[in-house]
Amino acid sequence: MNSAFASWSEFFAMGGYAFYVWLAVAMTLIPLAILVVHTVMQHRAILRGIVQQRARETRLRAAQAREAV
């Protein structure tokens, strides 16, 4: 199997279409990266909310137990 490009510089130049090719690559990878980062941040925020809710419920149960005594 032969390479379509003789050198790395030819590969990056893409036969004169480098601007369009690399712009398309960037317009694909950047939104995907943003989506991954957003998803991870949202997941962490949801987990933080769950921890806060559990802590709040524990405090409420403890307060109710103190009032009952």
Foldseek 3Di string as FASTA:
>chain_A
DDDPDPDVVCVCCVVVCNVVVVVVVCVPVVVVVVVVVVVVVVVVVVVVVVVVVVVVVVVVVVVVVVVVD
